[in-house]
Amino acid sequence: MLNFLQNGLLGTVQTPHIQVLFYISIFLCIAVPYLLGSFNTAVFVSTHILGEDVREKGSGNAGLTNTNRVYGGKVALLVLFGDALKTALSILFAGVLFGFYYVNGFSGNSFAYIAALFCMLGHVFPVFYRFKGGKGVLCTFISALILCPIVAGILICIFALILGVTKYVSLSSIIAGVMFPFVLDRTLSLFGMVPDGLIVLSTIIIALLVVWCHRENIKRIMNKTESKFSFKKNKKQ
C-alpha cells in the first residue's frame, strides 16, 4: 500500500509497455481533469434545480461569488461542495496514476499540479457549457489545500486580509492567485526543497488565469463600480 501511494499504478505495474502506459497516463491527466472541471456546479444547480441560468443573472459569471450574490449562501455552499469535489477528484486521479510523493506536507507529483491546472481550465472554459464558466478561484484554493496545505493557509490569510480591508472579493482573489507560485516557491525553499519546472509552470499559468478571468473586475475596481462583499442575497436580481 505504501509503495502504491508513493509510486502510483505506473510505479507498481510490471509490463514491457510501460512507456506507452506513461504517455496514455499523461493524456488522461489532462483529459479527465478537464472534463471534470467542465462540469460547472453553479450552472447545473441553477438550471436543473432552480430553473434559471446563473450566467443570465448578476455579473453573468458561473462561479461561487455570483451564485452567492444571486441565490444566497445555501445555494453557494452547494456550489462550493461540487466545485471542491471535482478539483479533489482530478488531483486524486493523478495521484493514483503517478503517486502522491508527499514530503514535508507538500506533493512533489508534478502531474497532480497539471491535473489541477486542467481542472481549472475546464471550469473556466467548460466544454459542456459553450466554454463559458467560472473564474477558477475555488479550484485554485482547493488545489493548493490538497497539494500544499501550508501554502493554502498563507493564501487564505492574504485573501482574508485584502477582503477585510477592501471588501472586494475579486481583488482579494486576484492578489491571492498571483501570490500562489511565489508563496509556494518561498515556502518550499524554507524546507530545502525546489519545485520542478512543471510545478512552477502550472502554478504560474493558474495565477495568470485568475488575473485574466478577473479582467472585467479590474476595470470596475478602477472605475469604482465593483460590487462589494456581502453574505446576503442580492434582492435586486
Protein backbone atom coordinates (compact mmCIF):
# COMPACT_ATOMS: atom_id res chain seq x y z
CA MET A 1 0.00 0.00 0.00
CA LEU A 2 2.78 2.45 0.89
CA ASN A 3 4.54 1.62 -2.36
CA PHE A 4 1.33 2.30 -4.28
CA LEU A 5 0.77 5.64 -2.54
CA GLN A 6 4.34 6.67 -3.29
CA ASN A 7 4.60 5.45 -6.87
CA GLY A 8 1.03 5.04 -8.12
CA LEU A 9 -0.15 2.50 -10.66
CA LEU A 10 2.69 3.21 -13.07
CA GLY A 11 5.26 2.55 -10.39
CA THR A 12 3.78 -0.79 -9.37
CA VAL A 13 2.69 -2.30 -12.70
CA GLN A 14 5.22 -4.57 -14.36
CA THR A 15 4.85 -4.52 -18.15
CA PRO A 16 7.10 -4.15 -21.19
CA HIS A 17 4.71 -1.49 -22.45
CA ILE A 18 5.32 0.88 -19.53
CA GLN A 19 6.35 3.76 -21.81
CA VAL A 20 3.08 3.53 -23.73
CA LEU A 21 1.16 3.49 -20.44
CA PHE A 22 3.16 6.51 -19.31
CA TYR A 23 2.08 8.60 -22.31
CA ILE A 24 -1.52 7.38 -22.01
CA SER A 25 -1.48 8.38 -18.34
CA ILE A 26 -0.21 11.87 -19.22
CA PHE A 27 -3.07 12.23 -21.70
CA LEU A 28 -5.56 11.05 -19.07
CA CYS A 29 -4.12 13.53 -16.54
CA ILE A 30 -5.08 16.26 -19.00
CA ALA A 31 -8.37 14.95 -20.39
CA VAL A 32 -10.07 13.60 -17.26
CA PRO A 33 -9.47 16.69 -15.06
CA TYR A 34 -10.56 18.95 -17.93
CA LEU A 35 -13.83 17.03 -18.30
CA LEU A 36 -14.36 17.01 -14.54
CA GLY A 37 -13.68 20.74 -14.44
CA SER A 38 -16.14 21.28 -17.28
CA PHE A 39 -18.94 20.10 -15.01
CA ASN A 40 -19.96 23.50 -13.68
CA THR A 41 -21.87 23.10 -10.42
CA ALA A 42 -23.28 26.63 -10.47
CA VAL A 43 -24.76 26.16 -13.95
CA PHE A 44 -26.07 22.68 -13.11
CA VAL A 45 -27.72 23.77 -9.86
CA SER A 46 -29.23 26.95 -11.30
CA THR A 47 -30.61 25.30 -14.45
CA HIS A 48 -31.68 21.86 -13.17
CA ILE A 49 -32.75 22.74 -9.62
CA LEU A 50 -33.71 26.42 -9.69
CA GLY A 51 -34.93 26.55 -13.30
CA GLU A 52 -32.71 29.53 -14.18
CA ASP A 53 -29.26 30.13 -15.61
CA VAL A 54 -26.86 31.86 -13.25
CA ARG A 55 -24.98 33.17 -16.29
CA GLU A 56 -28.01 35.35 -17.03
CA LYS A 57 -28.04 36.82 -13.54
CA GLY A 58 -25.84 39.24 -11.64
CA SER A 59 -22.40 39.56 -13.18
CA GLY A 60 -23.13 36.72 -15.62
CA ASN A 61 -20.35 34.60 -14.15
CA ALA A 62 -20.92 30.91 -13.42
CA GLY A 63 -18.94 30.87 -10.20
CA LEU A 64 -19.26 30.84 -6.44
CA THR A 65 -19.27 34.60 -5.84
CA ASN A 66 -22.02 35.36 -8.34
CA THR A 67 -24.03 32.38 -7.08
CA ASN A 68 -23.84 33.71 -3.54
CA ARG A 69 -24.77 37.19 -4.71
CA VAL A 70 -27.78 35.99 -6.71
CA TYR A 71 -29.10 32.98 -4.78
CA GLY A 72 -27.66 33.31 -1.29
CA GLY A 73 -25.40 31.29 0.97
CA LYS A 74 -27.22 27.92 0.94
CA VAL A 75 -27.01 27.55 -2.82
CA ALA A 76 -23.45 28.88 -2.75
CA LEU A 77 -22.46 26.15 -0.27
CA LEU A 78 -23.80 23.51 -2.65
CA VAL A 79 -21.76 25.01 -5.48
CA LEU A 80 -18.70 25.18 -3.23
CA PHE A 81 -19.01 21.48 -2.42
CA GLY A 82 -19.42 20.46 -6.06
CA ASP A 83 -16.51 22.53 -7.35
CA ALA A 84 -14.27 21.42 -4.47
CA LEU A 85 -15.15 17.78 -5.14
CA LYS A 86 -14.30 17.88 -8.85
CA THR A 87 -10.95 19.53 -8.08
CA ALA A 88 -10.13 16.94 -5.42
CA LEU A 89 -11.09 14.08 -7.75
CA SER A 90 -8.88 15.48 -10.51
CA ILE A 91 -5.83 15.59 -8.24
CA LEU A 92 -6.67 12.20 -6.72
CA PHE A 93 -6.82 10.74 -10.23
CA ALA A 94 -3.31 12.00 -11.00
CA GLY A 95 -2.10 10.66 -7.66
CA VAL A 96 -3.50 7.20 -8.33
CA LEU A 97 -1.68 7.08 -11.67
CA PHE A 98 1.66 8.64 -10.73
CA GLY A 99 1.79 8.53 -6.94
CA PHE A 100 1.40 11.30 -4.38
CA TYR A 101 5.05 11.94 -3.36
CA TYR A 102 4.24 13.91 -0.21
CA VAL A 103 7.34 15.25 1.54
CA ASN A 104 7.08 17.67 4.50
CA GLY A 105 3.40 18.14 3.66
CA PHE A 106 4.00 19.05 0.00
CA SER A 107 3.18 16.93 -3.03
CA GLY A 108 6.08 16.57 -5.42
CA ASN A 109 3.91 14.96 -8.11
CA SER A 110 4.10 17.47 -10.96
CA PHE A 111 1.29 15.66 -12.78
CA ALA A 112 -1.03 16.42 -9.86
CA TYR A 113 -0.37 20.11 -10.46
CA ILE A 114 -1.04 19.60 -14.17
CA ALA A 115 -4.32 17.90 -13.28
CA ALA A 116 -5.23 20.86 -11.07
CA LEU A 117 -4.43 23.25 -13.92
CA PHE A 118 -6.60 21.41 -16.44
CA CYS A 119 -9.45 21.08 -13.96
CA MET A 120 -9.32 24.86 -13.64
CA LEU A 121 -9.21 25.23 -17.43
CA GLY A 122 -12.30 23.05 -17.65
CA HIS A 123 -14.01 25.19 -15.04
CA VAL A 124 -13.15 28.41 -16.87
CA PHE A 125 -13.78 27.04 -20.37
CA PRO A 126 -16.28 24.19 -19.89
CA VAL A 127 -16.87 22.09 -22.98
CA PHE A 128 -20.37 21.22 -21.71
CA TYR A 129 -21.49 24.86 -21.39
CA ARG A 130 -20.25 26.55 -24.57
CA PHE A 131 -16.88 27.34 -22.92
CA LYS A 132 -18.45 29.92 -20.60
CA GLY A 133 -17.70 29.07 -16.99
CA GLY A 134 -16.41 30.46 -13.73
CA LYS A 135 -13.19 32.16 -12.70
CA GLY A 136 -11.37 29.25 -11.09
CA VAL A 137 -10.62 30.83 -7.72
CA LEU A 138 -12.14 28.00 -5.69
CA CYS A 139 -10.38 25.42 -7.88
CA THR A 140 -7.10 27.23 -7.22
CA PHE A 141 -7.61 27.24 -3.46
CA ILE A 142 -8.72 23.59 -3.24
CA SER A 143 -5.73 22.58 -5.37
CA ALA A 144 -3.38 24.43 -3.04
CA LEU A 145 -5.13 22.95 0.01
CA ILE A 146 -4.58 19.40 -1.24
CA LEU A 147 -1.13 19.78 -2.78
CA CYS A 148 0.48 22.20 -0.33
CA PRO A 149 -1.71 22.91 2.74
CA ILE A 150 0.76 25.36 4.30
CA VAL A 151 0.69 27.47 1.14
CA ALA A 152 -3.11 27.31 1.10
CA GLY A 153 -3.19 28.62 4.66
CA ILE A 154 -0.96 31.56 3.73
CA LEU A 155 -3.06 32.32 0.65
CA ILE A 156 -6.32 32.30 2.61
CA CYS A 157 -4.76 34.71 5.12
CA ILE A 158 -3.77 37.01 2.24
CA PHE A 159 -7.28 36.72 0.79
CA ALA A 160 -8.93 37.47 4.14
CA LEU A 161 -6.66 40.43 4.82
CA ILE A 162 -7.35 42.08 1.45
CA LEU A 163 -11.06 41.30 1.72
CA GLY A 164 -11.24 42.78 5.19
CA VAL A 165 -9.58 45.99 4.05
CA THR A 166 -11.25 46.48 0.63
CA LYS A 167 -14.45 44.35 0.73
CA TYR A 168 -13.64 43.34 -2.85
CA VAL A 169 -13.76 39.55 -3.37
CA SER A 170 -12.33 39.98 -6.86
CA LEU A 171 -9.30 41.98 -5.73
CA SER A 172 -8.68 39.55 -2.88
CA SER A 173 -8.87 36.63 -5.32
CA ILE A 174 -6.52 38.27 -7.81
CA ILE A 175 -3.85 39.04 -5.23
CA ALA A 176 -4.07 35.59 -3.60
CA GLY A 177 -3.96 33.89 -7.01
CA VAL A 178 -0.95 35.90 -8.16
CA MET A 179 0.84 35.06 -4.92
CA PHE A 180 0.33 31.29 -5.36
CA PRO A 181 3.53 30.45 -7.31
CA PHE A 182 5.61 32.92 -5.29
CA VAL A 183 4.41 31.67 -1.88
CA LEU A 184 4.86 28.04 -3.00
CA ASP A 185 8.44 28.70 -4.11
CA ARG A 186 9.37 30.63 -0.95
CA THR A 187 7.73 28.11 1.38
CA LEU A 188 9.41 25.15 -0.30
CA SER A 189 12.76 26.90 -0.04
CA LEU A 190 12.31 27.09 3.74
CA PHE A 191 12.19 23.28 3.77
CA GLY A 192 15.18 22.99 1.47
CA MET A 193 13.02 21.90 -1.46
CA VAL A 194 12.87 23.18 -5.02
CA PRO A 195 9.75 22.68 -7.20
CA ASP A 196 10.39 21.18 -10.64
CA GLY A 197 9.67 23.04 -13.86
CA LEU A 198 6.21 21.57 -14.44
CA ILE A 199 5.05 22.61 -10.98
CA VAL A 200 6.37 26.13 -11.47
CA LEU A 201 4.82 26.41 -14.93
CA SER A 202 1.45 25.04 -13.79
CA THR A 203 1.15 27.43 -10.84
CA ILE A 204 2.22 30.43 -12.94
CA ILE A 205 -0.43 29.61 -15.58
CA ILE A 206 -3.03 29.21 -12.83
CA ALA A 207 -2.07 32.64 -11.44
CA LEU A 208 -2.29 34.23 -14.91
CA LEU A 209 -5.68 32.61 -15.48
CA VAL A 210 -7.00 34.09 -12.25
CA VAL A 211 -5.94 37.57 -13.40
CA TRP A 212 -7.31 37.08 -16.92
CA CYS A 213 -10.67 35.84 -15.63
CA HIS A 214 -10.96 38.96 -13.47
CA ARG A 215 -10.11 41.46 -16.22
CA GLU A 216 -13.62 42.98 -16.15
CA ASN A 217 -13.49 43.17 -12.37
CA ILE A 218 -10.20 45.04 -12.62
CA LYS A 219 -11.86 47.60 -14.89
CA ARG A 220 -14.77 48.01 -12.46
CA ILE A 221 -12.41 48.38 -9.50
CA MET A 222 -10.57 51.12 -11.34
CA ASN A 223 -13.92 52.78 -12.15
CA LYS A 224 -15.12 52.23 -8.55
CA THR A 225 -18.21 50.35 -9.76
CA GLU A 226 -17.23 46.87 -8.48
CA SER A 227 -19.69 45.22 -6.07
CA LYS A 228 -18.52 44.74 -2.50
CA PHE A 229 -18.74 41.57 -0.47
CA SER A 230 -21.92 40.56 1.33
CA PHE A 231 -23.27 37.25 2.64
CA LYS A 232 -26.81 38.43 1.85
CA LYS A 233 -28.64 37.55 -1.33
CA ASN A 234 -28.96 40.44 -3.76
CA LYS A 235 -32.71 41.00 -3.84
CA LYS A 236 -32.50 43.17 -6.92
CA GLN A 237 -31.70 40.19 -9.12
